[in-house]
Amino acid sequence: MYAIEELKIGMSASYSQTITDADVKGFAGLSGDRNPVHMDEEYASASRFKKRIAHGLFSASFFSALFGTKLPGEGCVYVSQNLKFRKPVYIGDTVVATIEIIDIDLKKRRIYFSTYCKIGNAKVITGDAEIYLPPPTEVVDL
């Protein structure tokens, strides 16, 4: 985990994952979103996407993984996130999620990020996020 004083504008972290059928079904079970465009090949083939697509929030959830494990790390709290879903994510696609610090408010302990997911060179999700980093807990020697 980073101390807020160690963070710098421009720092970034990425995570990649190839989307599987099991991922889509698992996310549907967790979220309750069983929209047939995600779950039913026949239905999806008649849609504008021509085949099943992954839930947009599944790929966007990779941002949370990055915040909680890489930048800034353990203990941070998600304050806000906006998202624009630009292109579909299909089963078999490898999604690379990236977060990049664009501003830091030391007094309020807030870190502002640009967030995006890419497949190859194409951005499929874009947005911004705000993270709160609580002060470190005091350690008392007995």
N, C-alpha and C. Protein backbone atom coordinates (compact mmCIF):
# COMPACT_ATOMS: atom_id res chain seq x y z
N MET A 1 0.83 -1.18 0.00
CA MET A 1 0.00 0.00 0.00
C MET A 1 0.87 1.24 0.00
N TYR A 2 0.42 2.24 -0.70
CA TYR A 2 1.14 3.51 -0.74
C TYR A 2 0.62 4.46 0.33
N ALA A 3 1.52 5.21 0.94
CA ALA A 3 1.13 6.37 1.73
C ALA A 3 0.74 7.46 0.74
N ILE A 4 -0.20 8.30 1.11
CA ILE A 4 -0.68 9.32 0.17
C ILE A 4 0.45 10.24 -0.28
N GLU A 5 1.43 10.46 0.58
CA GLU A 5 2.56 11.33 0.23
C GLU A 5 3.48 10.71 -0.83
N GLU A 6 3.39 9.40 -1.01
CA GLU A 6 4.20 8.71 -2.01
C GLU A 6 3.58 8.74 -3.41
N LEU A 7 2.31 9.08 -3.50
CA LEU A 7 1.60 9.06 -4.78
C LEU A 7 1.96 10.28 -5.62
N LYS A 8 2.01 10.08 -6.91
CA LYS A 8 2.36 11.15 -7.86
C LYS A 8 1.40 11.10 -9.04
N ILE A 9 1.07 12.26 -9.58
CA ILE A 9 0.27 12.32 -10.80
C ILE A 9 1.03 11.57 -11.90
N GLY A 10 0.29 10.75 -12.63
CA GLY A 10 0.89 9.95 -13.70
C GLY A 10 1.15 8.51 -13.32
N MET A 11 1.17 8.21 -12.01
CA MET A 11 1.34 6.80 -11.61
C MET A 11 0.16 6.00 -12.13
N SER A 12 0.43 4.76 -12.54
CA SER A 12 -0.64 3.93 -13.09
C SER A 12 -0.44 2.47 -12.73
N ALA A 13 -1.50 1.70 -12.90
CA ALA A 13 -1.46 0.26 -12.70
C ALA A 13 -2.44 -0.37 -13.67
N SER A 14 -2.16 -1.61 -14.07
CA SER A 14 -3.03 -2.32 -15.02
C SER A 14 -3.26 -3.75 -14.56
N TYR A 15 -4.35 -4.30 -15.05
CA TYR A 15 -4.73 -5.69 -14.78
C TYR A 15 -5.35 -6.24 -16.05
N SER A 16 -5.03 -7.46 -16.42
CA SER A 16 -5.66 -8.04 -17.61
C SER A 16 -6.30 -9.38 -17.28
N GLN A 17 -7.37 -9.65 -17.99
CA GLN A 17 -8.07 -10.93 -17.82
C GLN A 17 -8.79 -11.26 -19.12
N THR A 18 -8.72 -12.53 -19.50
CA THR A 18 -9.47 -13.02 -20.64
C THR A 18 -10.85 -13.45 -20.15
N ILE A 19 -11.89 -12.94 -20.78
CA ILE A 19 -13.26 -13.18 -20.35
C ILE A 19 -13.70 -14.57 -20.83
N THR A 20 -14.21 -15.35 -19.90
CA THR A 20 -14.67 -16.71 -20.22
C THR A 20 -16.19 -16.82 -20.05
N ASP A 21 -16.73 -17.89 -20.59
CA ASP A 21 -18.15 -18.20 -20.41
C ASP A 21 -18.46 -18.34 -18.92
N ALA A 22 -17.58 -18.98 -18.17
CA ALA A 22 -17.79 -19.15 -16.72
C ALA A 22 -17.81 -17.79 -16.01
N ASP A 23 -16.97 -16.85 -16.46
CA ASP A 23 -16.97 -15.50 -15.87
C ASP A 23 -18.34 -14.84 -16.05
N VAL A 24 -18.86 -14.89 -17.28
CA VAL A 24 -20.13 -14.25 -17.59
C VAL A 24 -21.26 -14.89 -16.78
N LYS A 25 -21.28 -16.21 -16.72
CA LYS A 25 -22.32 -16.90 -15.95
C LYS A 25 -22.17 -16.61 -14.46
N GLY A 26 -20.94 -16.58 -13.97
CA GLY A 26 -20.71 -16.27 -12.56
C GLY A 26 -21.14 -14.86 -12.21
N PHE A 27 -20.83 -13.90 -13.09
CA PHE A 27 -21.23 -12.52 -12.83
C PHE A 27 -22.75 -12.38 -12.87
N ALA A 28 -23.39 -13.10 -13.78
CA ALA A 28 -24.85 -13.08 -13.84
C ALA A 28 -25.44 -13.60 -12.53
N GLY A 29 -24.84 -14.65 -11.99
CA GLY A 29 -25.31 -15.18 -10.71
C GLY A 29 -25.12 -14.22 -9.57
N LEU A 30 -23.98 -13.52 -9.55
CA LEU A 30 -23.71 -12.56 -8.48
C LEU A 30 -24.55 -11.31 -8.60
N SER A 31 -24.72 -10.81 -9.82
CA SER A 31 -25.40 -9.52 -10.03
C SER A 31 -26.90 -9.66 -10.20
N GLY A 32 -27.35 -10.84 -10.60
CA GLY A 32 -28.77 -11.03 -10.91
C GLY A 32 -29.12 -10.59 -12.33
N ASP A 33 -28.14 -10.10 -13.09
CA ASP A 33 -28.37 -9.65 -14.46
C ASP A 33 -28.26 -10.83 -15.40
N ARG A 34 -29.41 -11.40 -15.74
CA ARG A 34 -29.45 -12.55 -16.64
C ARG A 34 -30.02 -12.14 -18.01
N ASN A 35 -29.72 -10.92 -18.42
CA ASN A 35 -30.14 -10.43 -19.73
C ASN A 35 -29.70 -11.46 -20.77
N PRO A 36 -30.61 -11.86 -21.68
CA PRO A 36 -30.24 -12.90 -22.66
C PRO A 36 -29.12 -12.50 -23.60
N VAL A 37 -28.83 -11.20 -23.74
CA VAL A 37 -27.70 -10.80 -24.59
C VAL A 37 -26.37 -11.29 -23.98
N HIS A 38 -26.40 -11.58 -22.67
CA HIS A 38 -25.23 -12.13 -21.99
C HIS A 38 -25.28 -13.66 -21.90
N MET A 39 -26.49 -14.20 -21.83
CA MET A 39 -26.64 -15.61 -21.44
C MET A 39 -27.07 -16.56 -22.56
N ASP A 40 -27.72 -16.05 -23.60
CA ASP A 40 -28.36 -16.91 -24.60
C ASP A 40 -27.77 -16.64 -25.99
N GLU A 41 -27.05 -17.62 -26.49
CA GLU A 41 -26.36 -17.47 -27.79
C GLU A 41 -27.35 -17.19 -28.92
N GLU A 42 -28.48 -17.88 -28.93
CA GLU A 42 -29.47 -17.68 -29.99
C GLU A 42 -30.04 -16.26 -29.95
N TYR A 43 -30.40 -15.80 -28.77
CA TYR A 43 -30.91 -14.44 -28.61
C TYR A 43 -29.85 -13.43 -29.04
N ALA A 44 -28.63 -13.60 -28.55
CA ALA A 44 -27.55 -12.67 -28.85
C ALA A 44 -27.22 -12.63 -30.34
N SER A 45 -27.35 -13.78 -31.02
CA SER A 45 -27.03 -13.82 -32.46
C SER A 45 -27.98 -12.95 -33.27
N ALA A 46 -29.18 -12.71 -32.76
CA ALA A 46 -30.14 -11.86 -33.45
C ALA A 46 -30.01 -10.39 -33.02
N SER A 47 -29.14 -10.11 -32.08
CA SER A 47 -28.95 -8.74 -31.60
C SER A 47 -27.94 -8.01 -32.48
N ARG A 48 -27.77 -6.73 -32.23
CA ARG A 48 -26.79 -5.94 -32.99
C ARG A 48 -25.36 -6.42 -32.76
N PHE A 49 -25.13 -7.18 -31.66
CA PHE A 49 -23.79 -7.65 -31.32
C PHE A 49 -23.41 -8.96 -32.02
N LYS A 50 -24.41 -9.70 -32.48
CA LYS A 50 -24.25 -10.95 -33.25
C LYS A 50 -23.76 -12.14 -32.43
N LYS A 51 -23.34 -11.90 -31.20
CA LYS A 51 -22.99 -13.00 -30.29
C LYS A 51 -23.03 -12.46 -28.86
N ARG A 52 -22.93 -13.35 -27.90
CA ARG A 52 -23.04 -12.96 -26.49
C ARG A 52 -21.95 -11.96 -26.10
N ILE A 53 -22.35 -11.00 -25.28
CA ILE A 53 -21.39 -10.02 -24.76
C ILE A 53 -21.31 -10.16 -23.24
N ALA A 54 -20.16 -9.77 -22.71
CA ALA A 54 -19.98 -9.76 -21.26
C ALA A 54 -20.67 -8.53 -20.68
N HIS A 55 -21.05 -8.63 -19.43
CA HIS A 55 -21.62 -7.49 -18.71
C HIS A 55 -20.57 -6.37 -18.64
N GLY A 56 -20.98 -5.16 -18.95
CA GLY A 56 -20.06 -4.03 -18.88
C GLY A 56 -19.48 -3.83 -17.49
N LEU A 57 -20.31 -4.03 -16.48
CA LEU A 57 -19.82 -3.83 -15.11
C LEU A 57 -18.84 -4.92 -14.67
N PHE A 58 -18.83 -6.05 -15.36
CA PHE A 58 -17.83 -7.07 -15.03
C PHE A 58 -16.43 -6.54 -15.36
N SER A 59 -16.26 -6.03 -16.57
CA SER A 59 -14.95 -5.46 -16.93
C SER A 59 -14.63 -4.25 -16.06
N ALA A 60 -15.62 -3.40 -15.79
CA ALA A 60 -15.39 -2.22 -14.95
C ALA A 60 -15.00 -2.60 -13.52
N SER A 61 -15.40 -3.78 -13.08
CA SER A 61 -15.04 -4.21 -11.71
C SER A 61 -13.54 -4.43 -11.54
N PHE A 62 -12.82 -4.54 -12.64
CA PHE A 62 -11.37 -4.69 -12.54
C PHE A 62 -10.72 -3.44 -11.96
N PHE A 63 -11.38 -2.28 -12.12
CA PHE A 63 -10.85 -1.06 -11.50
C PHE A 63 -10.79 -1.21 -9.99
N SER A 64 -11.84 -1.77 -9.42
CA SER A 64 -11.88 -1.98 -7.97
C SER A 64 -10.73 -2.87 -7.52
N ALA A 65 -10.45 -3.91 -8.28
CA ALA A 65 -9.33 -4.79 -7.95
C ALA A 65 -8.01 -4.03 -7.94
N LEU A 66 -7.83 -3.16 -8.93
CA LEU A 66 -6.60 -2.37 -9.00
C LEU A 66 -6.48 -1.41 -7.82
N PHE A 67 -7.57 -0.72 -7.50
CA PHE A 67 -7.51 0.23 -6.39
C PHE A 67 -7.19 -0.48 -5.07
N GLY A 68 -7.82 -1.60 -4.83
CA GLY A 68 -7.67 -2.28 -3.54
C GLY A 68 -6.40 -3.09 -3.38
N THR A 69 -5.73 -3.39 -4.50
CA THR A 69 -4.55 -4.25 -4.38
C THR A 69 -3.26 -3.61 -4.90
N LYS A 70 -3.37 -2.59 -5.77
CA LYS A 70 -2.15 -2.04 -6.38
C LYS A 70 -1.97 -0.55 -6.15
N LEU A 71 -2.98 0.25 -6.45
CA LEU A 71 -2.79 1.70 -6.41
C LEU A 71 -4.08 2.39 -6.00
N PRO A 72 -4.24 2.89 -4.81
CA PRO A 72 -3.21 3.06 -3.81
C PRO A 72 -2.99 1.82 -2.94
N GLY A 73 -3.95 0.87 -2.94
CA GLY A 73 -3.76 -0.38 -2.21
C GLY A 73 -4.75 -0.55 -1.07
N GLU A 74 -4.43 -1.49 -0.20
CA GLU A 74 -5.33 -1.89 0.89
C GLU A 74 -5.84 -0.71 1.70
N GLY A 75 -7.12 -0.80 2.05
CA GLY A 75 -7.72 0.20 2.93
C GLY A 75 -8.37 1.36 2.23
N CYS A 76 -8.12 1.53 0.93
CA CYS A 76 -8.73 2.67 0.23
C CYS A 76 -10.23 2.42 0.06
N VAL A 77 -10.96 3.52 -0.14
CA VAL A 77 -12.41 3.45 -0.26
C VAL A 77 -12.85 4.13 -1.56
N TYR A 78 -13.62 3.40 -2.35
CA TYR A 78 -14.17 3.93 -3.60
C TYR A 78 -15.19 5.01 -3.25
N VAL A 79 -15.06 6.20 -3.79
CA VAL A 79 -16.00 7.29 -3.54
C VAL A 79 -16.95 7.45 -4.72
N SER A 80 -16.40 7.47 -5.94
CA SER A 80 -17.25 7.63 -7.12
C SER A 80 -16.56 7.08 -8.36
N GLN A 81 -17.39 6.80 -9.35
CA GLN A 81 -16.90 6.29 -10.63
C GLN A 81 -17.91 6.66 -11.70
N ASN A 82 -17.47 7.20 -12.81
CA ASN A 82 -18.36 7.33 -13.96
C ASN A 82 -17.78 6.46 -15.07
N LEU A 83 -18.66 5.99 -15.92
CA LEU A 83 -18.27 5.04 -16.96
C LEU A 83 -18.95 5.36 -18.27
N LYS A 84 -18.23 5.14 -19.35
CA LYS A 84 -18.82 5.19 -20.68
C LYS A 84 -18.45 3.87 -21.36
N PHE A 85 -19.48 3.12 -21.75
CA PHE A 85 -19.27 1.85 -22.42
C PHE A 85 -19.24 2.12 -23.92
N ARG A 86 -18.04 2.04 -24.50
CA ARG A 86 -17.83 2.46 -25.89
C ARG A 86 -17.97 1.33 -26.90
N LYS A 87 -17.59 0.12 -26.50
CA LYS A 87 -17.65 -1.03 -27.41
C LYS A 87 -17.95 -2.27 -26.57
N PRO A 88 -18.54 -3.29 -27.20
CA PRO A 88 -18.84 -4.51 -26.44
C PRO A 88 -17.58 -5.32 -26.14
N VAL A 89 -17.68 -6.11 -25.09
CA VAL A 89 -16.65 -7.07 -24.73
C VAL A 89 -17.26 -8.46 -24.94
N TYR A 90 -16.59 -9.28 -25.73
CA TYR A 90 -17.08 -10.61 -26.06
C TYR A 90 -16.34 -11.67 -25.26
N ILE A 91 -16.98 -12.80 -25.12
CA ILE A 91 -16.33 -13.95 -24.49
C ILE A 91 -15.10 -14.29 -25.33
N GLY A 92 -13.97 -14.47 -24.66
CA GLY A 92 -12.71 -14.73 -25.34
C GLY A 92 -11.83 -13.50 -25.48
N ASP A 93 -12.41 -12.30 -25.30
CA ASP A 93 -11.61 -11.08 -25.36
C ASP A 93 -10.73 -10.96 -24.12
N THR A 94 -9.54 -10.43 -24.30
CA THR A 94 -8.66 -10.11 -23.17
C THR A 94 -8.78 -8.62 -22.90
N VAL A 95 -9.29 -8.32 -21.71
CA VAL A 95 -9.51 -6.94 -21.28
C VAL A 95 -8.32 -6.50 -20.44
N VAL A 96 -7.77 -5.33 -20.75
CA VAL A 96 -6.72 -4.72 -19.94
C VAL A 96 -7.31 -3.47 -19.31
N ALA A 97 -7.47 -3.51 -17.98
CA ALA A 97 -7.98 -2.36 -17.23
C ALA A 97 -6.79 -1.56 -16.72
N THR A 98 -6.87 -0.24 -16.85
CA THR A 98 -5.79 0.65 -16.41
C THR A 98 -6.37 1.81 -15.61
N ILE A 99 -5.68 2.15 -14.53
CA ILE A 99 -6.02 3.33 -13.73
C ILE A 99 -4.78 4.23 -13.71
N GLU A 100 -5.01 5.54 -13.79
CA GLU A 100 -3.89 6.49 -13.78
C GLU A 100 -4.26 7.69 -12.93
N ILE A 101 -3.39 8.07 -12.01
CA ILE A 101 -3.63 9.22 -11.15
C ILE A 101 -3.59 10.50 -11.98
N ILE A 102 -4.67 11.31 -11.85
CA ILE A 102 -4.72 12.58 -12.57
C ILE A 102 -4.73 13.78 -11.61
N ASP A 103 -5.02 13.54 -10.32
CA ASP A 103 -4.99 14.63 -9.34
C ASP A 103 -4.98 14.02 -7.94
N ILE A 104 -4.44 14.79 -7.00
CA ILE A 104 -4.36 14.35 -5.60
C ILE A 104 -4.73 15.54 -4.71
N ASP A 105 -5.64 15.32 -3.77
CA ASP A 105 -5.99 16.34 -2.78
C ASP A 105 -5.50 15.81 -1.43
N LEU A 106 -4.31 16.27 -1.01
CA LEU A 106 -3.70 15.77 0.22
C LEU A 106 -4.56 16.09 1.44
N LYS A 107 -5.13 17.28 1.49
CA LYS A 107 -5.91 17.70 2.66
C LYS A 107 -7.13 16.79 2.85
N LYS A 108 -7.85 16.50 1.77
CA LYS A 108 -9.05 15.66 1.86
C LYS A 108 -8.74 14.17 1.71
N ARG A 109 -7.46 13.87 1.41
CA ARG A 109 -7.00 12.49 1.22
C ARG A 109 -7.76 11.80 0.08
N ARG A 110 -7.98 12.56 -1.01
CA ARG A 110 -8.68 12.04 -2.18
C ARG A 110 -7.70 11.93 -3.35
N ILE A 111 -7.84 10.84 -4.09
CA ILE A 111 -7.02 10.61 -5.27
C ILE A 111 -7.98 10.46 -6.44
N TYR A 112 -7.69 11.15 -7.52
CA TYR A 112 -8.55 11.15 -8.70
C TYR A 112 -7.83 10.41 -9.83
N PHE A 113 -8.58 9.56 -10.50
CA PHE A 113 -8.03 8.67 -11.51
C PHE A 113 -8.76 8.77 -12.84
N SER A 114 -8.02 8.61 -13.92
CA SER A 114 -8.58 8.27 -15.22
C SER A 114 -8.63 6.74 -15.24
N THR A 115 -9.74 6.18 -15.72
CA THR A 115 -9.89 4.73 -15.77
C THR A 115 -10.31 4.32 -17.17
N TYR A 116 -9.75 3.22 -17.65
CA TYR A 116 -10.19 2.71 -18.95
C TYR A 116 -9.86 1.24 -19.09
N CYS A 117 -10.65 0.59 -19.93
CA CYS A 117 -10.40 -0.81 -20.32
C CYS A 117 -10.17 -0.83 -21.82
N LYS A 118 -9.19 -1.62 -22.23
CA LYS A 118 -8.87 -1.76 -23.64
C LYS A 118 -8.90 -3.22 -24.05
N ILE A 119 -9.24 -3.43 -25.31
CA ILE A 119 -9.05 -4.72 -25.97
C ILE A 119 -8.16 -4.40 -27.16
N GLY A 120 -6.94 -4.88 -27.12
CA GLY A 120 -5.98 -4.47 -28.12
C GLY A 120 -5.72 -2.98 -27.96
N ASN A 121 -5.85 -2.22 -29.04
CA ASN A 121 -5.65 -0.77 -28.97
C ASN A 121 -6.95 0.01 -28.79
N ALA A 122 -8.08 -0.69 -28.74
CA ALA A 122 -9.38 -0.03 -28.66
C ALA A 122 -9.85 0.11 -27.22
N LYS A 123 -10.19 1.35 -26.84
CA LYS A 123 -10.78 1.58 -25.51
C LYS A 123 -12.25 1.16 -25.57
N VAL A 124 -12.62 0.23 -24.70
CA VAL A 124 -14.00 -0.26 -24.65
C VAL A 124 -14.78 0.37 -23.50
N ILE A 125 -14.10 0.82 -22.46
CA ILE A 125 -14.71 1.53 -21.34
C ILE A 125 -13.79 2.68 -20.96
N THR A 126 -14.37 3.85 -20.72
CA THR A 126 -13.60 4.99 -20.23
C THR A 126 -14.35 5.60 -19.04
N GLY A 127 -13.61 6.31 -18.20
CA GLY A 127 -14.24 6.98 -17.08
C GLY A 127 -13.25 7.63 -16.16
N ASP A 128 -13.76 8.09 -15.02
CA ASP A 128 -12.96 8.71 -13.97
C ASP A 128 -13.43 8.17 -12.64
N ALA A 129 -12.51 8.14 -11.68
CA ALA A 129 -12.85 7.64 -10.35
C ALA A 129 -12.24 8.53 -9.28
N GLU A 130 -12.87 8.51 -8.11
CA GLU A 130 -12.36 9.20 -6.93
C GLU A 130 -12.22 8.17 -5.82
N ILE A 131 -11.06 8.19 -5.19
CA ILE A 131 -10.74 7.24 -4.12
C ILE A 131 -10.36 8.02 -2.87
N TYR A 132 -10.82 7.55 -1.72
CA TYR A 132 -10.43 8.12 -0.43
C TYR A 132 -9.40 7.18 0.20
N LEU A 133 -8.31 7.74 0.69
CA LEU A 133 -7.28 6.94 1.36
C LEU A 133 -7.24 7.36 2.83
N PRO A 134 -7.79 6.52 3.72
CA PRO A 134 -7.81 6.87 5.14
C PRO A 134 -6.40 7.03 5.69
N PRO A 135 -6.26 7.82 6.75
CA PRO A 135 -4.93 7.94 7.35
C PRO A 135 -4.49 6.61 7.94
N PRO A 136 -3.19 6.40 8.01
CA PRO A 136 -2.71 5.13 8.60
C PRO A 136 -3.09 5.07 10.08
N THR A 137 -3.31 3.86 10.55
CA THR A 137 -3.62 3.71 11.97
C THR A 137 -2.36 3.81 12.79
N GLU A 138 -2.52 4.34 13.95
CA GLU A 138 -1.37 4.48 14.84
C GLU A 138 -1.00 3.13 15.43
N VAL A 139 0.28 2.89 15.55
CA VAL A 139 0.77 1.68 16.18
C VAL A 139 1.30 2.08 17.55
N VAL A 140 0.82 1.40 18.57
CA VAL A 140 1.23 1.72 19.94
C VAL A 140 2.14 0.61 20.45
N ASP A 141 3.34 0.97 20.84
CA ASP A 141 4.25 0.00 21.45
C ASP A 141 3.91 -0.14 22.92
N LEU A 142 3.77 -1.35 23.37
CA LEU A 142 3.48 -1.60 24.80
C LEU A 142 4.70 -1.99 25.55
